[in-house]
Structures are given as structure tokens and as C-alpha cells.
PDBML (XML) file of the C-alpha atoms, coordinates in Angstrom:
<?xml version="1.0" encoding="UTF-8" ?>
<PDBx:datablock datablockName="MODEL"
   xmlns:PDBx="http://pdbml.pdb.org/schema/pdbx-v50.xsd"
   xmlns:xsi="http://www.w3.org/2001/XMLSchema-instance"
   xsi:schemaLocation="http://pdbml.pdb.org/schema/pdbx-v50.xsd pdbx-v50.xsd">
   <PDBx:atom_siteCategory>
      <PDBx:atom_site id="1">
         <PDBx:B_iso_or_equiv>0.00</PDBx:B_iso_or_equiv>
         <PDBx:Cartn_x>87.717</PDBx:Cartn_x>
         <PDBx:Cartn_y>98.467</PDBx:Cartn_y>
         <PDBx:Cartn_z>37.162</PDBx:Cartn_z>
         <PDBx:auth_asym_id>A</PDBx:auth_asym_id>
         <PDBx:auth_atom_id>CA</PDBx:auth_atom_id>
         <PDBx:auth_comp_id>UNK</PDBx:auth_comp_id>
         <PDBx:auth_seq_id>1</PDBx:auth_seq_id>
         <PDBx:group_PDB>ATOM</PDBx:group_PDB>
         <PDBx:label_alt_id xsi:nil="true" />
         <PDBx:label_asym_id>A</PDBx:label_asym_id>
         <PDBx:label_atom_id>CA</PDBx:label_atom_id>
         <PDBx:label_comp_id>UNK</PDBx:label_comp_id>
         <PDBx:label_entity_id>1</PDBx:label_entity_id>
         <PDBx:label_seq_id>1</PDBx:label_seq_id>
         <PDBx:occupancy>1.00</PDBx:occupancy>
         <PDBx:pdbx_PDB_model_num>1</PDBx:pdbx_PDB_model_num>
         <PDBx:type_symbol>C</PDBx:type_symbol>
      </PDBx:atom_site>
      <PDBx:atom_site id="2">
         <PDBx:B_iso_or_equiv>0.00</PDBx:B_iso_or_equiv>
         <PDBx:Cartn_x>84.273</PDBx:Cartn_x>
         <PDBx:Cartn_y>99.592</PDBx:Cartn_y>
         <PDBx:Cartn_z>38.290</PDBx:Cartn_z>
         <PDBx:auth_asym_id>A</PDBx:auth_asym_id>
         <PDBx:auth_atom_id>CA</PDBx:auth_atom_id>
         <PDBx:auth_comp_id>UNK</PDBx:auth_comp_id>
         <PDBx:auth_seq_id>2</PDBx:auth_seq_id>
         <PDBx:group_PDB>ATOM</PDBx:group_PDB>
         <PDBx:label_alt_id xsi:nil="true" />
         <PDBx:label_asym_id>A</PDBx:label_asym_id>
         <PDBx:label_atom_id>CA</PDBx:label_atom_id>
         <PDBx:label_comp_id>UNK</PDBx:label_comp_id>
         <PDBx:label_entity_id>1</PDBx:label_entity_id>
         <PDBx:label_seq_id>2</PDBx:label_seq_id>
         <PDBx:occupancy>1.00</PDBx:occupancy>
         <PDBx:pdbx_PDB_model_num>1</PDBx:pdbx_PDB_model_num>
         <PDBx:type_symbol>C</PDBx:type_symbol>
      </PDBx:atom_site>
      <PDBx:atom_site id="3">
         <PDBx:B_iso_or_equiv>0.00</PDBx:B_iso_or_equiv>
         <PDBx:Cartn_x>85.527</PDBx:Cartn_x>
         <PDBx:Cartn_y>103.111</PDBx:Cartn_y>
         <PDBx:Cartn_z>39.095</PDBx:Cartn_z>
         <PDBx:auth_asym_id>A</PDBx:auth_asym_id>
         <PDBx:auth_atom_id>CA</PDBx:auth_atom_id>
         <PDBx:auth_comp_id>UNK</PDBx:auth_comp_id>
         <PDBx:auth_seq_id>3</PDBx:auth_seq_id>
         <PDBx:group_PDB>ATOM</PDBx:group_PDB>
         <PDBx:label_alt_id xsi:nil="true" />
         <PDBx:label_asym_id>A</PDBx:label_asym_id>
         <PDBx:label_atom_id>CA</PDBx:label_atom_id>
         <PDBx:label_comp_id>UNK</PDBx:label_comp_id>
         <PDBx:label_entity_id>1</PDBx:label_entity_id>
         <PDBx:label_seq_id>3</PDBx:label_seq_id>
         <PDBx:occupancy>1.00</PDBx:occupancy>
         <PDBx:pdbx_PDB_model_num>1</PDBx:pdbx_PDB_model_num>
         <PDBx:type_symbol>C</PDBx:type_symbol>
      </PDBx:atom_site>
      <PDBx:atom_site id="4">
         <PDBx:B_iso_or_equiv>0.00</PDBx:B_iso_or_equiv>
         <PDBx:Cartn_x>87.146</PDBx:Cartn_x>
         <PDBx:Cartn_y>103.525</PDBx:Cartn_y>
         <PDBx:Cartn_z>35.686</PDBx:Cartn_z>
         <PDBx:auth_asym_id>A</PDBx:auth_asym_id>
         <PDBx:auth_atom_id>CA</PDBx:auth_atom_id>
         <PDBx:auth_comp_id>UNK</PDBx:auth_comp_id>
         <PDBx:auth_seq_id>4</PDBx:auth_seq_id>
         <PDBx:group_PDB>ATOM</PDBx:group_PDB>
         <PDBx:label_alt_id xsi:nil="true" />
         <PDBx:label_asym_id>A</PDBx:label_asym_id>
         <PDBx:label_atom_id>CA</PDBx:label_atom_id>
         <PDBx:label_comp_id>UNK</PDBx:label_comp_id>
         <PDBx:label_entity_id>1</PDBx:label_entity_id>
         <PDBx:label_seq_id>4</PDBx:label_seq_id>
         <PDBx:occupancy>1.00</PDBx:occupancy>
         <PDBx:pdbx_PDB_model_num>1</PDBx:pdbx_PDB_model_num>
         <PDBx:type_symbol>C</PDBx:type_symbol>
      </PDBx:atom_site>
      <PDBx:atom_site id="5">
         <PDBx:B_iso_or_equiv>0.00</PDBx:B_iso_or_equiv>
         <PDBx:Cartn_x>84.133</PDBx:Cartn_x>
         <PDBx:Cartn_y>102.014</PDBx:Cartn_y>
         <PDBx:Cartn_z>33.908</PDBx:Cartn_z>
         <PDBx:auth_asym_id>A</PDBx:auth_asym_id>
         <PDBx:auth_atom_id>CA</PDBx:auth_atom_id>
         <PDBx:auth_comp_id>UNK</PDBx:auth_comp_id>
         <PDBx:auth_seq_id>5</PDBx:auth_seq_id>
         <PDBx:group_PDB>ATOM</PDBx:group_PDB>
         <PDBx:label_alt_id xsi:nil="true" />
         <PDBx:label_asym_id>A</PDBx:label_asym_id>
         <PDBx:label_atom_id>CA</PDBx:label_atom_id>
         <PDBx:label_comp_id>UNK</PDBx:label_comp_id>
         <PDBx:label_entity_id>1</PDBx:label_entity_id>
         <PDBx:label_seq_id>5</PDBx:label_seq_id>
         <PDBx:occupancy>1.00</PDBx:occupancy>
         <PDBx:pdbx_PDB_model_num>1</PDBx:pdbx_PDB_model_num>
         <PDBx:type_symbol>C</PDBx:type_symbol>
      </PDBx:atom_site>
      <PDBx:atom_site id="6">
         <PDBx:B_iso_or_equiv>0.00</PDBx:B_iso_or_equiv>
         <PDBx:Cartn_x>81.873</PDBx:Cartn_x>
         <PDBx:Cartn_y>104.610</PDBx:Cartn_y>
         <PDBx:Cartn_z>35.552</PDBx:Cartn_z>
         <PDBx:auth_asym_id>A</PDBx:auth_asym_id>
         <PDBx:auth_atom_id>CA</PDBx:auth_atom_id>
         <PDBx:auth_comp_id>UNK</PDBx:auth_comp_id>
         <PDBx:auth_seq_id>6</PDBx:auth_seq_id>
         <PDBx:group_PDB>ATOM</PDBx:group_PDB>
         <PDBx:label_alt_id xsi:nil="true" />
         <PDBx:label_asym_id>A</PDBx:label_asym_id>
         <PDBx:label_atom_id>CA</PDBx:label_atom_id>
         <PDBx:label_comp_id>UNK</PDBx:label_comp_id>
         <PDBx:label_entity_id>1</PDBx:label_entity_id>
         <PDBx:label_seq_id>6</PDBx:label_seq_id>
         <PDBx:occupancy>1.00</PDBx:occupancy>
         <PDBx:pdbx_PDB_model_num>1</PDBx:pdbx_PDB_model_num>
         <PDBx:type_symbol>C</PDBx:type_symbol>
      </PDBx:atom_site>
      <PDBx:atom_site id="7">
         <PDBx:B_iso_or_equiv>0.00</PDBx:B_iso_or_equiv>
         <PDBx:Cartn_x>84.360</PDBx:Cartn_x>
         <PDBx:Cartn_y>107.346</PDBx:Cartn_y>
         <PDBx:Cartn_z>34.611</PDBx:Cartn_z>
         <PDBx:auth_asym_id>A</PDBx:auth_asym_id>
         <PDBx:auth_atom_id>CA</PDBx:auth_atom_id>
         <PDBx:auth_comp_id>UNK</PDBx:auth_comp_id>
         <PDBx:auth_seq_id>7</PDBx:auth_seq_id>
         <PDBx:group_PDB>ATOM</PDBx:group_PDB>
         <PDBx:label_alt_id xsi:nil="true" />
         <PDBx:label_asym_id>A</PDBx:label_asym_id>
         <PDBx:label_atom_id>CA</PDBx:label_atom_id>
         <PDBx:label_comp_id>UNK</PDBx:label_comp_id>
         <PDBx:label_entity_id>1</PDBx:label_entity_id>
         <PDBx:label_seq_id>7</PDBx:label_seq_id>
         <PDBx:occupancy>1.00</PDBx:occupancy>
         <PDBx:pdbx_PDB_model_num>1</PDBx:pdbx_PDB_model_num>
         <PDBx:type_symbol>C</PDBx:type_symbol>
      </PDBx:atom_site>
      <PDBx:atom_site id="8">
         <PDBx:B_iso_or_equiv>0.00</PDBx:B_iso_or_equiv>
         <PDBx:Cartn_x>84.040</PDBx:Cartn_x>
         <PDBx:Cartn_y>106.251</PDBx:Cartn_y>
         <PDBx:Cartn_z>30.975</PDBx:Cartn_z>
         <PDBx:auth_asym_id>A</PDBx:auth_asym_id>
         <PDBx:auth_atom_id>CA</PDBx:auth_atom_id>
         <PDBx:auth_comp_id>UNK</PDBx:auth_comp_id>
         <PDBx:auth_seq_id>8</PDBx:auth_seq_id>
         <PDBx:group_PDB>ATOM</PDBx:group_PDB>
         <PDBx:label_alt_id xsi:nil="true" />
         <PDBx:label_asym_id>A</PDBx:label_asym_id>
         <PDBx:label_atom_id>CA</PDBx:label_atom_id>
         <PDBx:label_comp_id>UNK</PDBx:label_comp_id>
         <PDBx:label_entity_id>1</PDBx:label_entity_id>
         <PDBx:label_seq_id>8</PDBx:label_seq_id>
         <PDBx:occupancy>1.00</PDBx:occupancy>
         <PDBx:pdbx_PDB_model_num>1</PDBx:pdbx_PDB_model_num>
         <PDBx:type_symbol>C</PDBx:type_symbol>
      </PDBx:atom_site>
      <PDBx:atom_site id="9">
         <PDBx:B_iso_or_equiv>0.00</PDBx:B_iso_or_equiv>
         <PDBx:Cartn_x>80.271</PDBx:Cartn_x>
         <PDBx:Cartn_y>105.833</PDBx:Cartn_y>
         <PDBx:Cartn_z>30.925</PDBx:Cartn_z>
         <PDBx:auth_asym_id>A</PDBx:auth_asym_id>
         <PDBx:auth_atom_id>CA</PDBx:auth_atom_id>
         <PDBx:auth_comp_id>UNK</PDBx:auth_comp_id>
         <PDBx:auth_seq_id>9</PDBx:auth_seq_id>
         <PDBx:group_PDB>ATOM</PDBx:group_PDB>
         <PDBx:label_alt_id xsi:nil="true" />
         <PDBx:label_asym_id>A</PDBx:label_asym_id>
         <PDBx:label_atom_id>CA</PDBx:label_atom_id>
         <PDBx:label_comp_id>UNK</PDBx:label_comp_id>
         <PDBx:label_entity_id>1</PDBx:label_entity_id>
         <PDBx:label_seq_id>9</PDBx:label_seq_id>
         <PDBx:occupancy>1.00</PDBx:occupancy>
         <PDBx:pdbx_PDB_model_num>1</PDBx:pdbx_PDB_model_num>
         <PDBx:type_symbol>C</PDBx:type_symbol>
      </PDBx:atom_site>
      <PDBx:atom_site id="10">
         <PDBx:B_iso_or_equiv>0.00</PDBx:B_iso_or_equiv>
         <PDBx:Cartn_x>80.384</PDBx:Cartn_x>
         <PDBx:Cartn_y>102.065</PDBx:Cartn_y>
         <PDBx:Cartn_z>30.377</PDBx:Cartn_z>
         <PDBx:auth_asym_id>A</PDBx:auth_asym_id>
         <PDBx:auth_atom_id>CA</PDBx:auth_atom_id>
         <PDBx:auth_comp_id>UNK</PDBx:auth_comp_id>
         <PDBx:auth_seq_id>10</PDBx:auth_seq_id>
         <PDBx:group_PDB>ATOM</PDBx:group_PDB>
         <PDBx:label_alt_id xsi:nil="true" />
         <PDBx:label_asym_id>A</PDBx:label_asym_id>
         <PDBx:label_atom_id>CA</PDBx:label_atom_id>
         <PDBx:label_comp_id>UNK</PDBx:label_comp_id>
         <PDBx:label_entity_id>1</PDBx:label_entity_id>
         <PDBx:label_seq_id>10</PDBx:label_seq_id>
         <PDBx:occupancy>1.00</PDBx:occupancy>
         <PDBx:pdbx_PDB_model_num>1</PDBx:pdbx_PDB_model_num>
         <PDBx:type_symbol>C</PDBx:type_symbol>
      </PDBx:atom_site>
      <PDBx:atom_site id="11">
         <PDBx:B_iso_or_equiv>0.00</PDBx:B_iso_or_equiv>
         <PDBx:Cartn_x>79.535</PDBx:Cartn_x>
         <PDBx:Cartn_y>100.831</PDBx:Cartn_y>
         <PDBx:Cartn_z>33.875</PDBx:Cartn_z>
         <PDBx:auth_asym_id>A</PDBx:auth_asym_id>
         <PDBx:auth_atom_id>CA</PDBx:auth_atom_id>
         <PDBx:auth_comp_id>UNK</PDBx:auth_comp_id>
         <PDBx:auth_seq_id>11</PDBx:auth_seq_id>
         <PDBx:group_PDB>ATOM</PDBx:group_PDB>
         <PDBx:label_alt_id xsi:nil="true" />
         <PDBx:label_asym_id>A</PDBx:label_asym_id>
         <PDBx:label_atom_id>CA</PDBx:label_atom_id>
         <PDBx:label_comp_id>UNK</PDBx:label_comp_id>
         <PDBx:label_entity_id>1</PDBx:label_entity_id>
         <PDBx:label_seq_id>11</PDBx:label_seq_id>
         <PDBx:occupancy>1.00</PDBx:occupancy>
         <PDBx:pdbx_PDB_model_num>1</PDBx:pdbx_PDB_model_num>
         <PDBx:type_symbol>C</PDBx:type_symbol>
      </PDBx:atom_site>
      <PDBx:atom_site id="12">
         <PDBx:B_iso_or_equiv>0.00</PDBx:B_iso_or_equiv>
         <PDBx:Cartn_x>76.396</PDBx:Cartn_x>
         <PDBx:Cartn_y>99.078</PDBx:Cartn_y>
         <PDBx:Cartn_z>32.617</PDBx:Cartn_z>
         <PDBx:auth_asym_id>A</PDBx:auth_asym_id>
         <PDBx:auth_atom_id>CA</PDBx:auth_atom_id>
         <PDBx:auth_comp_id>UNK</PDBx:auth_comp_id>
         <PDBx:auth_seq_id>12</PDBx:auth_seq_id>
         <PDBx:group_PDB>ATOM</PDBx:group_PDB>
         <PDBx:label_alt_id xsi:nil="true" />
         <PDBx:label_asym_id>A</PDBx:label_asym_id>
         <PDBx:label_atom_id>CA</PDBx:label_atom_id>
         <PDBx:label_comp_id>UNK</PDBx:label_comp_id>
         <PDBx:label_entity_id>1</PDBx:label_entity_id>
         <PDBx:label_seq_id>12</PDBx:label_seq_id>
         <PDBx:occupancy>1.00</PDBx:occupancy>
         <PDBx:pdbx_PDB_model_num>1</PDBx:pdbx_PDB_model_num>
         <PDBx:type_symbol>C</PDBx:type_symbol>
      </PDBx:atom_site>
      <PDBx:atom_site id="13">
         <PDBx:B_iso_or_equiv>0.00</PDBx:B_iso_or_equiv>
         <PDBx:Cartn_x>78.434</PDBx:Cartn_x>
         <PDBx:Cartn_y>97.009</PDBx:Cartn_y>
         <PDBx:Cartn_z>30.131</PDBx:Cartn_z>
         <PDBx:auth_asym_id>A</PDBx:auth_asym_id>
         <PDBx:auth_atom_id>CA</PDBx:auth_atom_id>
         <PDBx:auth_comp_id>UNK</PDBx:auth_comp_id>
         <PDBx:auth_seq_id>13</PDBx:auth_seq_id>
         <PDBx:group_PDB>ATOM</PDBx:group_PDB>
         <PDBx:label_alt_id xsi:nil="true" />
         <PDBx:label_asym_id>A</PDBx:label_asym_id>
         <PDBx:label_atom_id>CA</PDBx:label_atom_id>
         <PDBx:label_comp_id>UNK</PDBx:label_comp_id>
         <PDBx:label_entity_id>1</PDBx:label_entity_id>
         <PDBx:label_seq_id>13</PDBx:label_seq_id>
         <PDBx:occupancy>1.00</PDBx:occupancy>
         <PDBx:pdbx_PDB_model_num>1</PDBx:pdbx_PDB_model_num>
         <PDBx:type_symbol>C</PDBx:type_symbol>
      </PDBx:atom_site>
      <PDBx:atom_site id="14">
         <PDBx:B_iso_or_equiv>0.00</PDBx:B_iso_or_equiv>
         <PDBx:Cartn_x>81.129</PDBx:Cartn_x>
         <PDBx:Cartn_y>95.627</PDBx:Cartn_y>
         <PDBx:Cartn_z>32.407</PDBx:Cartn_z>
         <PDBx:auth_asym_id>A</PDBx:auth_asym_id>
         <PDBx:auth_atom_id>CA</PDBx:auth_atom_id>
         <PDBx:auth_comp_id>UNK</PDBx:auth_comp_id>
         <PDBx:auth_seq_id>14</PDBx:auth_seq_id>
         <PDBx:group_PDB>ATOM</PDBx:group_PDB>
         <PDBx:label_alt_id xsi:nil="true" />
         <PDBx:label_asym_id>A</PDBx:label_asym_id>
         <PDBx:label_atom_id>CA</PDBx:label_atom_id>
         <PDBx:label_comp_id>UNK</PDBx:label_comp_id>
         <PDBx:label_entity_id>1</PDBx:label_entity_id>
         <PDBx:label_seq_id>14</PDBx:label_seq_id>
         <PDBx:occupancy>1.00</PDBx:occupancy>
         <PDBx:pdbx_PDB_model_num>1</PDBx:pdbx_PDB_model_num>
         <PDBx:type_symbol>C</PDBx:type_symbol>
      </PDBx:atom_site>
      <PDBx:atom_site id="15">
         <PDBx:B_iso_or_equiv>0.00</PDBx:B_iso_or_equiv>
         <PDBx:Cartn_x>81.194</PDBx:Cartn_x>
         <PDBx:Cartn_y>93.040</PDBx:Cartn_y>
         <PDBx:Cartn_z>35.186</PDBx:Cartn_z>
         <PDBx:auth_asym_id>A</PDBx:auth_asym_id>
         <PDBx:auth_atom_id>CA</PDBx:auth_atom_id>
         <PDBx:auth_comp_id>UNK</PDBx:auth_comp_id>
         <PDBx:auth_seq_id>15</PDBx:auth_seq_id>
         <PDBx:group_PDB>ATOM</PDBx:group_PDB>
         <PDBx:label_alt_id xsi:nil="true" />
         <PDBx:label_asym_id>A</PDBx:label_asym_id>
         <PDBx:label_atom_id>CA</PDBx:label_atom_id>
         <PDBx:label_comp_id>UNK</PDBx:label_comp_id>
         <PDBx:label_entity_id>1</PDBx:label_entity_id>
         <PDBx:label_seq_id>15</PDBx:label_seq_id>
         <PDBx:occupancy>1.00</PDBx:occupancy>
         <PDBx:pdbx_PDB_model_num>1</PDBx:pdbx_PDB_model_num>
         <PDBx:type_symbol>C</PDBx:type_symbol>
      </PDBx:atom_site>
      <PDBx:atom_site id="16">
         <PDBx:B_iso_or_equiv>0.00</PDBx:B_iso_or_equiv>
         <PDBx:Cartn_x>84.234</PDBx:Cartn_x>
         <PDBx:Cartn_y>92.240</PDBx:Cartn_y>
         <PDBx:Cartn_z>37.323</PDBx:Cartn_z>
         <PDBx:auth_asym_id>A</PDBx:auth_asym_id>
         <PDBx:auth_atom_id>CA</PDBx:auth_atom_id>
         <PDBx:auth_comp_id>UNK</PDBx:auth_comp_id>
         <PDBx:auth_seq_id>16</PDBx:auth_seq_id>
         <PDBx:group_PDB>ATOM</PDBx:group_PDB>
         <PDBx:label_alt_id xsi:nil="true" />
         <PDBx:label_asym_id>A</PDBx:label_asym_id>
         <PDBx:label_atom_id>CA</PDBx:label_atom_id>
         <PDBx:label_comp_id>UNK</PDBx:label_comp_id>
         <PDBx:label_entity_id>1</PDBx:label_entity_id>
         <PDBx:label_seq_id>16</PDBx:label_seq_id>
         <PDBx:occupancy>1.00</PDBx:occupancy>
         <PDBx:pdbx_PDB_model_num>1</PDBx:pdbx_PDB_model_num>
         <PDBx:type_symbol>C</PDBx:type_symbol>
      </PDBx:atom_site>
      <PDBx:atom_site id="17">
         <PDBx:B_iso_or_equiv>0.00</PDBx:B_iso_or_equiv>
         <PDBx:Cartn_x>84.742</PDBx:Cartn_x>
         <PDBx:Cartn_y>89.158</PDBx:Cartn_y>
         <PDBx:Cartn_z>39.465</PDBx:Cartn_z>
         <PDBx:auth_asym_id>A</PDBx:auth_asym_id>
         <PDBx:auth_atom_id>CA</PDBx:auth_atom_id>
         <PDBx:auth_comp_id>UNK</PDBx:auth_comp_id>
         <PDBx:auth_seq_id>17</PDBx:auth_seq_id>
         <PDBx:group_PDB>ATOM</PDBx:group_PDB>
         <PDBx:label_alt_id xsi:nil="true" />
         <PDBx:label_asym_id>A</PDBx:label_asym_id>
         <PDBx:label_atom_id>CA</PDBx:label_atom_id>
         <PDBx:label_comp_id>UNK</PDBx:label_comp_id>
         <PDBx:label_entity_id>1</PDBx:label_entity_id>
         <PDBx:label_seq_id>17</PDBx:label_seq_id>
         <PDBx:occupancy>1.00</PDBx:occupancy>
         <PDBx:pdbx_PDB_model_num>1</PDBx:pdbx_PDB_model_num>
         <PDBx:type_symbol>C</PDBx:type_symbol>
      </PDBx:atom_site>
      <PDBx:atom_site id="18">
         <PDBx:B_iso_or_equiv>0.00</PDBx:B_iso_or_equiv>
         <PDBx:Cartn_x>87.194</PDBx:Cartn_x>
         <PDBx:Cartn_y>87.444</PDBx:Cartn_y>
         <PDBx:Cartn_z>41.732</PDBx:Cartn_z>
         <PDBx:auth_asym_id>A</PDBx:auth_asym_id>
         <PDBx:auth_atom_id>CA</PDBx:auth_atom_id>
         <PDBx:auth_comp_id>UNK</PDBx:auth_comp_id>
         <PDBx:auth_seq_id>18</PDBx:auth_seq_id>
         <PDBx:group_PDB>ATOM</PDBx:group_PDB>
         <PDBx:label_alt_id xsi:nil="true" />
         <PDBx:label_asym_id>A</PDBx:label_asym_id>
         <PDBx:label_atom_id>CA</PDBx:label_atom_id>
         <PDBx:label_comp_id>UNK</PDBx:label_comp_id>
         <PDBx:label_entity_id>1</PDBx:label_entity_id>
         <PDBx:label_seq_id>18</PDBx:label_seq_id>
         <PDBx:occupancy>1.00</PDBx:occupancy>
         <PDBx:pdbx_PDB_model_num>1</PDBx:pdbx_PDB_model_num>
         <PDBx:type_symbol>C</PDBx:type_symbol>
      </PDBx:atom_site>
      <PDBx:atom_site id="19">
         <PDBx:B_iso_or_equiv>0.00</PDBx:B_iso_or_equiv>
         <PDBx:Cartn_x>87.972</PDBx:Cartn_x>
         <PDBx:Cartn_y>83.945</PDBx:Cartn_y>
         <PDBx:Cartn_z>40.363</PDBx:Cartn_z>
         <PDBx:auth_asym_id>A</PDBx:auth_asym_id>
         <PDBx:auth_atom_id>CA</PDBx:auth_atom_id>
         <PDBx:auth_comp_id>UNK</PDBx:auth_comp_id>
         <PDBx:auth_seq_id>19</PDBx:auth_seq_id>
         <PDBx:group_PDB>ATOM</PDBx:group_PDB>
         <PDBx:label_alt_id xsi:nil="true" />
         <PDBx:label_asym_id>A</PDBx:label_asym_id>
         <PDBx:label_atom_id>CA</PDBx:label_atom_id>
         <PDBx:label_comp_id>UNK</PDBx:label_comp_id>
         <PDBx:label_entity_id>1</PDBx:label_entity_id>
         <PDBx:label_seq_id>19</PDBx:label_seq_id>
         <PDBx:occupancy>1.00</PDBx:occupancy>
         <PDBx:pdbx_PDB_model_num>1</PDBx:pdbx_PDB_model_num>
         <PDBx:type_symbol>C</PDBx:type_symbol>
      </PDBx:atom_site>
      <PDBx:atom_site id="20">
         <PDBx:B_iso_or_equiv>0.00</PDBx:B_iso_or_equiv>
         <PDBx:Cartn_x>85.791</PDBx:Cartn_x>
         <PDBx:Cartn_y>82.208</PDBx:Cartn_y>
         <PDBx:Cartn_z>42.947</PDBx:Cartn_z>
         <PDBx:auth_asym_id>A</PDBx:auth_asym_id>
         <PDBx:auth_atom_id>CA</PDBx:auth_atom_id>
         <PDBx:auth_comp_id>UNK</PDBx:auth_comp_id>
         <PDBx:auth_seq_id>20</PDBx:auth_seq_id>
         <PDBx:group_PDB>ATOM</PDBx:group_PDB>
         <PDBx:label_alt_id xsi:nil="true" />
         <PDBx:label_asym_id>A</PDBx:label_asym_id>
         <PDBx:label_atom_id>CA</PDBx:label_atom_id>
         <PDBx:label_comp_id>UNK</PDBx:label_comp_id>
         <PDBx:label_entity_id>1</PDBx:label_entity_id>
         <PDBx:label_seq_id>20</PDBx:label_seq_id>
         <PDBx:occupancy>1.00</PDBx:occupancy>
         <PDBx:pdbx_PDB_model_num>1</PDBx:pdbx_PDB_model_num>
         <PDBx:type_symbol>C</PDBx:type_symbol>
      </PDBx:atom_site>
      <PDBx:atom_site id="21">
         <PDBx:B_iso_or_equiv>0.00</PDBx:B_iso_or_equiv>
         <PDBx:Cartn_x>82.791</PDBx:Cartn_x>
         <PDBx:Cartn_y>84.321</PDBx:Cartn_y>
         <PDBx:Cartn_z>41.881</PDBx:Cartn_z>
         <PDBx:auth_asym_id>A</PDBx:auth_asym_id>
         <PDBx:auth_atom_id>CA</PDBx:auth_atom_id>
         <PDBx:auth_comp_id>UNK</PDBx:auth_comp_id>
         <PDBx:auth_seq_id>21</PDBx:auth_seq_id>
         <PDBx:group_PDB>ATOM</PDBx:group_PDB>
         <PDBx:label_alt_id xsi:nil="true" />
         <PDBx:label_asym_id>A</PDBx:label_asym_id>
         <PDBx:label_atom_id>CA</PDBx:label_atom_id>
         <PDBx:label_comp_id>UNK</PDBx:label_comp_id>
         <PDBx:label_entity_id>1</PDBx:label_entity_id>
         <PDBx:label_seq_id>21</PDBx:label_seq_id>
         <PDBx:occupancy>1.00</PDBx:occupancy>
         <PDBx:pdbx_PDB_model_num>1</PDBx:pdbx_PDB_model_num>
         <PDBx:type_symbol>C</PDBx:type_symbol>
      </PDBx:atom_site>
      <PDBx:atom_site id="22">
         <PDBx:B_iso_or_equiv>0.00</PDBx:B_iso_or_equiv>
         <PDBx:Cartn_x>83.154</PDBx:Cartn_x>
         <PDBx:Cartn_y>84.271</PDBx:Cartn_y>
         <PDBx:Cartn_z>38.102</PDBx:Cartn_z>
         <PDBx:auth_asym_id>A</PDBx:auth_asym_id>
         <PDBx:auth_atom_id>CA</PDBx:auth_atom_id>
         <PDBx:auth_comp_id>UNK</PDBx:auth_comp_id>
         <PDBx:auth_seq_id>22</PDBx:auth_seq_id>
         <PDBx:group_PDB>ATOM</PDBx:group_PDB>
         <PDBx:label_alt_id xsi:nil="true" />
         <PDBx:label_asym_id>A</PDBx:label_asym_id>
         <PDBx:label_atom_id>CA</PDBx:label_atom_id>
         <PDBx:label_comp_id>UNK</PDBx:label_comp_id>
         <PDBx:label_entity_id>1</PDBx:label_entity_id>
         <PDBx:label_seq_id>22</PDBx:label_seq_id>
         <PDBx:occupancy>1.00</PDBx:occupancy>
         <PDBx:pdbx_PDB_model_num>1</PDBx:pdbx_PDB_model_num>
         <PDBx:type_symbol>C</PDBx:type_symbol>
      </PDBx:atom_site>
      <PDBx:atom_site id="23">
         <PDBx:B_iso_or_equiv>0.00</PDBx:B_iso_or_equiv>
         <PDBx:Cartn_x>80.185</PDBx:Cartn_x>
         <PDBx:Cartn_y>82.968</PDBx:Cartn_y>
         <PDBx:Cartn_z>36.099</PDBx:Cartn_z>
         <PDBx:auth_asym_id>A</PDBx:auth_asym_id>
         <PDBx:auth_atom_id>CA</PDBx:auth_atom_id>
         <PDBx:auth_comp_id>UNK</PDBx:auth_comp_id>
         <PDBx:auth_seq_id>23</PDBx:auth_seq_id>
         <PDBx:group_PDB>ATOM</PDBx:group_PDB>
         <PDBx:label_alt_id xsi:nil="true" />
         <PDBx:label_asym_id>A</PDBx:label_asym_id>
         <PDBx:label_atom_id>CA</PDBx:label_atom_id>
         <PDBx:label_comp_id>UNK</PDBx:label_comp_id>
         <PDBx:label_entity_id>1</PDBx:label_entity_id>
         <PDBx:label_seq_id>23</PDBx:label_seq_id>
         <PDBx:occupancy>1.00</PDBx:occupancy>
         <PDBx:pdbx_PDB_model_num>1</PDBx:pdbx_PDB_model_num>
         <PDBx:type_symbol>C</PDBx:type_symbol>
      </PDBx:atom_site>
      <PDBx:atom_site id="24">
         <PDBx:B_iso_or_equiv>0.00</PDBx:B_iso_or_equiv>
         <PDBx:Cartn_x>80.356</PDBx:Cartn_x>
         <PDBx:Cartn_y>80.270</PDBx:Cartn_y>
         <PDBx:Cartn_z>33.449</PDBx:Cartn_z>
         <PDBx:auth_asym_id>A</PDBx:auth_asym_id>
         <PDBx:auth_atom_id>CA</PDBx:auth_atom_id>
         <PDBx:auth_comp_id>UNK</PDBx:auth_comp_id>
         <PDBx:auth_seq_id>24</PDBx:auth_seq_id>
         <PDBx:group_PDB>ATOM</PDBx:group_PDB>
         <PDBx:label_alt_id xsi:nil="true" />
         <PDBx:label_asym_id>A</PDBx:label_asym_id>
         <PDBx:label_atom_id>CA</PDBx:label_atom_id>
         <PDBx:label_comp_id>UNK</PDBx:label_comp_id>
         <PDBx:label_entity_id>1</PDBx:label_entity_id>
         <PDBx:label_seq_id>24</PDBx:label_seq_id>
         <PDBx:occupancy>1.00</PDBx:occupancy>
         <PDBx:pdbx_PDB_model_num>1</PDBx:pdbx_PDB_model_num>
         <PDBx:type_symbol>C</PDBx:type_symbol>
      </PDBx:atom_site>
   </PDBx:atom_siteCategory>
</PDBx:datablock>
């Protein structure tokens, strides 16, 4: 997800988490 976000120029708009790390 992070690699493809950078490829599309949207890396600063996306966050990706494992379930145990996800924010509320």
C-alpha cells in the first residue's frame, strides 16, 4: 500500500495499519 501510494503521489494522504495498531 505504501509503495503504490508513493508511486501515485499520494503517500502523504494515506496511512496503513495492522489491526493491533489501528487508531480510533
